[in-house]
């Protein structure tokens, strides 16, 4: 990796990431990491907002259970900040080390894919058996 891989000026704006219209190809580490991370964060927050809304609806009359959606929303934000940062860096590092240019749609797939994998692991009992 070169010094140019970490120039923050290379990062696209939020509307460019959402619109899948970067100002230039994603060929630097920071550009790839940012887009994969942002898609992971957005998809995780979306999934957790839906889960929190369902939990609030089902637990609204429970004395303590009605506060569970707050924890769900916090985890929807913290999970990609901790795990998503690391896995997005790993994906961007592999792309950069191999010299590939990442398409914005691939960044979307990698970011949403991280959320889907976390959802699948959450719904299964695999972690409980370890």
Protein backbone atom coordinates (compact mmCIF):
# COMPACT_ATOMS: atom_id res chain seq x y z
CA UNK A 1 0.00 0.00 0.00
CA UNK A 2 1.21 3.44 -0.81
CA UNK A 3 0.80 6.69 1.04
CA UNK A 4 -1.93 7.71 -1.44
CA UNK A 5 -4.16 4.91 -0.14
CA UNK A 6 -5.02 6.90 2.98
CA UNK A 7 -5.79 10.37 1.63
CA UNK A 8 -9.18 11.36 3.02
CA UNK A 9 -9.84 13.73 0.12
CA UNK A 10 -10.35 10.67 -2.09
CA UNK A 11 -13.48 9.65 -0.16
CA UNK A 12 -16.79 10.21 -1.95
CA UNK A 13 -19.71 12.06 -0.41
CA UNK A 14 -22.63 10.17 1.12
CA UNK A 15 -25.02 10.88 -1.82
CA UNK A 16 -22.42 9.57 -4.28
CA UNK A 17 -22.08 6.35 -2.29
CA UNK A 18 -25.84 5.83 -2.04
CA UNK A 19 -26.35 6.66 -5.71
CA UNK A 20 -23.51 4.30 -6.72
CA UNK A 21 -21.93 7.20 -8.61
CA UNK A 22 -18.37 7.71 -7.38
CA UNK A 23 -16.38 10.66 -8.67
CA UNK A 24 -13.58 8.32 -9.75
CA UNK A 25 -12.95 4.54 -9.77
CA UNK A 26 -12.48 2.87 -6.39
CA UNK A 27 -8.81 1.99 -6.61
CA UNK A 28 -7.45 3.31 -3.30
CA UNK A 29 -7.80 1.49 0.02
CA UNK A 30 -9.64 4.31 1.80
CA UNK A 31 -12.21 4.63 -1.00
CA UNK A 32 -12.98 0.92 -1.01
CA UNK A 33 -13.05 0.65 2.77
CA UNK A 34 -15.34 3.67 3.14
CA UNK A 35 -17.91 2.44 0.64
CA UNK A 36 -18.03 -1.13 1.97
CA UNK A 37 -18.22 0.16 5.55
CA UNK A 38 -20.96 2.65 4.73
CA UNK A 39 -23.11 0.01 3.04
CA UNK A 40 -22.57 -2.29 6.01
CA UNK A 41 -23.60 0.47 8.40
CA UNK A 42 -26.67 1.49 6.40
CA UNK A 43 -27.95 -2.05 5.92
CA UNK A 44 -27.35 -2.94 9.57
CA UNK A 45 -29.18 0.14 10.81
CA UNK A 46 -32.08 -0.60 8.44
CA UNK A 47 -32.40 -4.20 9.65
CA UNK A 48 -32.15 -3.18 13.30
CA UNK A 49 -34.72 -0.39 12.94
CA UNK A 50 -37.20 -2.92 11.54
CA UNK A 51 -36.36 -5.38 14.35
CA UNK A 52 -36.71 -2.64 16.98
CA UNK A 53 -40.10 -1.59 15.56
CA UNK A 54 -41.35 -5.18 15.72
CA UNK A 55 -39.97 -5.62 19.26
CA UNK A 56 -41.57 -2.38 20.40
CA UNK A 57 -44.92 -3.37 18.94
CA UNK A 58 -44.83 -6.81 20.57
CA UNK A 59 -43.42 -5.65 23.94
CA UNK A 60 -45.11 -2.26 24.33
CA UNK A 61 -47.20 -3.37 27.31
CA UNK A 62 -44.40 -5.17 29.14
CA UNK A 63 -42.98 -3.26 32.09
CA UNK A 64 -39.30 -3.89 31.31
CA UNK A 65 -39.50 -5.41 27.80
CA UNK A 66 -40.51 -2.15 26.18
CA UNK A 67 -36.91 -0.93 26.61
CA UNK A 68 -35.43 -3.82 24.59
CA UNK A 69 -35.77 -1.90 21.27
CA UNK A 70 -33.27 0.66 22.59
CA UNK A 71 -30.67 -2.09 22.94
CA UNK A 72 -31.51 -3.38 19.49
CA UNK A 73 -30.97 0.07 17.97
CA UNK A 74 -27.68 0.55 19.83
CA UNK A 75 -26.40 -2.81 18.58
CA UNK A 76 -27.49 -1.91 15.04
CA UNK A 77 -25.09 1.00 15.21
CA UNK A 78 -22.27 -0.49 17.31
CA UNK A 79 -21.98 -3.80 15.48
CA UNK A 80 -20.88 -2.32 12.14
CA UNK A 81 -18.71 0.24 13.91
CA UNK A 82 -16.70 -2.54 15.54
CA UNK A 83 -16.94 -5.62 13.34
CA UNK A 84 -17.84 -3.86 10.10
CA UNK A 85 -14.79 -1.65 10.31
CA UNK A 86 -12.47 -4.63 10.52
CA UNK A 87 -14.15 -6.76 7.88
CA UNK A 88 -14.48 -3.82 5.48
CA UNK A 89 -10.77 -3.14 5.91
CA UNK A 90 -10.02 -6.79 5.17
CA UNK A 91 -12.09 -6.72 1.96
CA UNK A 92 -10.54 -3.43 0.84
CA UNK A 93 -7.07 -4.72 1.71
CA UNK A 94 -7.51 -7.82 -0.43
CA UNK A 95 -8.80 -5.76 -3.36
CA UNK A 96 -5.95 -3.25 -3.02
CA UNK A 97 -3.24 -5.89 -2.59
CA UNK A 98 -4.45 -7.73 -5.68
CA UNK A 99 -4.58 -4.50 -7.69
CA UNK A 100 -8.27 -4.75 -8.53
CA UNK A 101 -10.52 -1.75 -8.98
CA UNK A 102 -13.72 -2.19 -6.99
CA UNK A 103 -16.99 -1.29 -8.66
CA UNK A 104 -19.45 0.61 -6.43
CA UNK A 105 -21.99 -2.19 -6.86
CA UNK A 106 -19.46 -4.68 -5.46
CA UNK A 107 -18.99 -2.41 -2.45
CA UNK A 108 -22.76 -2.56 -1.98
CA UNK A 109 -22.73 -6.36 -2.22
CA UNK A 110 -19.84 -6.68 0.25
CA UNK A 111 -21.46 -4.30 2.76
CA UNK A 112 -24.95 -5.79 2.59
CA UNK A 113 -23.39 -9.26 2.53
CA UNK A 114 -21.76 -8.58 5.89
CA UNK A 115 -25.14 -7.72 7.37
CA UNK A 116 -26.75 -10.82 5.86
CA UNK A 117 -24.01 -13.06 7.28
CA UNK A 118 -24.46 -11.52 10.74
CA UNK A 119 -28.23 -12.07 10.44
CA UNK A 120 -27.76 -15.70 9.43
CA UNK A 121 -25.38 -16.34 12.32
CA UNK A 122 -27.79 -14.63 14.70
CA UNK A 123 -30.74 -16.78 13.63
CA UNK A 124 -28.84 -20.05 13.86
CA UNK A 125 -27.48 -21.79 16.94
CA UNK A 126 -23.98 -22.20 15.49
CA UNK A 127 -22.31 -19.83 17.95
CA UNK A 128 -24.00 -21.53 20.92
CA UNK A 129 -22.33 -24.82 20.00
CA UNK A 130 -18.80 -23.45 19.99
